[in-house]
């Protein structure tokens, strides 16, 4: 399997962003694969999304729900998805994660402002 397939099939991935001070900040997240991209859903103003706005270089590895790595990490480039892509990302997460993701979808719709959340996409860096 390719790294993209391994990461896309994982229940959780450890998304490691780099802080302004250069220290890594690992966060276990749900992930869905969409073509050559992996996508995750985060609150818009979290440290993860703020760090991605600062630097797009990330590392990604399959992990346990608590963040214990379960495989090799891969360098990747991350970016924030446009607001128009949020709905399709939520749909993909509901298909993969079921009721728990459906609750997140309901919460986004119920809030009346889906802008409270951000969609993050990343692709493994080839090299």
Protein backbone atom coordinates (compact mmCIF):
# COMPACT_ATOMS: atom_id res chain seq x y z
CA UNK A 1 0.00 0.00 0.00
CA UNK A 2 1.13 3.55 -0.68
CA UNK A 3 1.47 6.04 2.20
CA UNK A 4 -1.63 7.82 0.91
CA UNK A 5 -3.64 4.58 1.06
CA UNK A 6 -2.35 3.71 4.54
CA UNK A 7 -3.17 7.17 5.89
CA UNK A 8 -6.55 7.34 4.14
CA UNK A 9 -7.57 3.95 5.58
CA UNK A 10 -6.46 4.81 9.13
CA UNK A 11 -9.17 5.58 11.71
CA UNK A 12 -6.96 8.32 13.16
CA UNK A 13 -3.87 10.12 11.94
CA UNK A 14 -1.37 12.11 13.92
CA UNK A 15 -1.20 15.51 12.24
CA UNK A 16 1.97 17.22 13.43
CA UNK A 17 2.20 20.94 12.77
CA UNK A 18 5.11 23.23 13.58
CA UNK A 19 4.69 26.07 16.04
CA UNK A 20 6.17 29.56 15.69
CA UNK A 21 8.98 28.50 18.05
CA UNK A 22 9.81 25.51 15.83
CA UNK A 23 8.46 22.86 18.20
CA UNK A 24 6.26 20.08 16.77
CA UNK A 25 2.63 19.99 17.92
CA UNK A 26 1.03 16.57 17.26
CA UNK A 27 -2.77 16.22 17.17
CA UNK A 28 -4.72 12.98 16.56
CA UNK A 29 -7.55 13.64 14.08
CA UNK A 30 -10.16 11.87 11.98
CA UNK A 31 -9.21 11.72 8.33
CA UNK A 32 -10.86 11.04 5.02
CA UNK A 33 -9.24 10.50 1.65
CA UNK A 34 -10.51 12.45 -1.34
CA UNK A 35 -8.51 11.63 -4.45
CA UNK A 36 -4.86 12.48 -3.82
CA UNK A 37 -5.78 14.53 -0.73
CA UNK A 38 -6.34 13.68 2.89
CA UNK A 39 -8.78 15.97 4.68
CA UNK A 40 -9.60 16.68 8.31
CA UNK A 41 -12.12 18.85 10.15
CA UNK A 42 -10.91 21.19 12.90
CA UNK A 43 -12.31 24.16 14.78
CA UNK A 44 -11.33 27.28 12.88
CA UNK A 45 -9.39 28.97 15.68
CA UNK A 46 -7.48 26.02 17.09
CA UNK A 47 -3.73 25.88 17.42
CA UNK A 48 -3.64 23.34 14.59
CA UNK A 49 -5.31 25.64 12.07
CA UNK A 50 -3.36 28.68 13.25
CA UNK A 51 -0.07 26.81 12.82
CA UNK A 52 -1.05 25.66 9.32
CA UNK A 53 -1.74 29.27 8.40
CA UNK A 54 1.81 30.03 9.58
CA UNK A 55 3.58 27.16 7.83
CA UNK A 56 2.14 24.53 5.53
CA UNK A 57 4.76 21.86 6.27
CA UNK A 58 3.28 19.03 8.37
CA UNK A 59 3.98 15.39 9.18
CA UNK A 60 1.28 12.73 9.18
CA UNK A 61 1.25 9.20 10.60
CA UNK A 62 -1.43 6.63 11.41
CA UNK A 63 -2.11 6.62 15.14
CA UNK A 64 -4.32 5.47 17.98
CA UNK A 65 -7.16 7.69 19.26
CA UNK A 66 -4.80 8.92 21.97
CA UNK A 67 -2.13 9.89 19.44
CA UNK A 68 0.28 6.95 19.78
CA UNK A 69 1.90 6.50 16.34
CA UNK A 70 1.07 3.22 14.60
CA UNK A 71 3.26 3.56 11.55
CA UNK A 72 5.81 5.66 9.74
CA UNK A 73 5.25 9.39 9.42
CA UNK A 74 5.17 11.14 6.07
CA UNK A 75 6.02 14.74 5.19
CA UNK A 76 3.05 16.60 3.73
CA UNK A 77 1.88 20.04 2.66
CA UNK A 78 -1.32 21.35 4.29
CA UNK A 79 -3.72 24.15 3.43
CA UNK A 80 -7.13 25.40 4.45
CA UNK A 81 -9.95 24.31 2.15
CA UNK A 82 -12.45 26.88 0.90
CA UNK A 83 -15.74 27.11 2.80
CA UNK A 84 -17.58 25.60 -0.19
CA UNK A 85 -15.79 22.26 0.40
CA UNK A 86 -16.84 21.88 4.04
CA UNK A 87 -20.14 20.15 3.32
CA UNK A 88 -18.64 17.44 1.16
CA UNK A 89 -15.92 16.85 3.76
CA UNK A 90 -18.55 16.41 6.49
CA UNK A 91 -20.45 13.98 4.26
CA UNK A 92 -17.28 11.92 3.73
CA UNK A 93 -16.58 11.88 7.49
CA UNK A 94 -20.14 10.69 8.22
CA UNK A 95 -19.68 7.83 5.76
CA UNK A 96 -16.42 6.77 7.44
CA UNK A 97 -17.15 7.50 11.13
CA UNK A 98 -20.93 7.15 11.39
CA UNK A 99 -22.93 8.57 14.29
CA UNK A 100 -20.08 10.52 15.93
CA UNK A 101 -19.40 12.39 12.70
CA UNK A 102 -23.13 12.87 12.14
CA UNK A 103 -23.24 14.69 15.49
CA UNK A 104 -20.44 17.00 14.31
CA UNK A 105 -22.42 17.66 11.12
CA UNK A 106 -25.56 18.42 13.10
CA UNK A 107 -23.61 20.77 15.35
CA UNK A 108 -22.20 22.64 12.34
CA UNK A 109 -25.65 23.05 10.77
CA UNK A 110 -27.31 23.87 14.09
CA UNK A 111 -24.80 26.62 14.86
CA UNK A 112 -26.07 28.54 11.83
CA UNK A 113 -22.47 29.52 11.13
CA UNK A 114 -20.45 26.64 9.73
CA UNK A 115 -17.52 29.07 9.75
CA UNK A 116 -16.78 27.92 13.31
CA UNK A 117 -14.96 25.03 11.71
CA UNK A 118 -12.22 24.70 9.12
CA UNK A 119 -11.45 22.01 6.61
CA UNK A 120 -7.78 21.18 6.28
CA UNK A 121 -6.40 19.27 3.30
CA UNK A 122 -2.92 17.86 2.86
CA UNK A 123 -1.00 15.81 0.38
CA UNK A 124 2.08 13.70 1.07
CA UNK A 125 5.22 15.36 -0.22
CA UNK A 126 6.95 13.26 -2.83
CA UNK A 127 10.66 13.40 -2.95
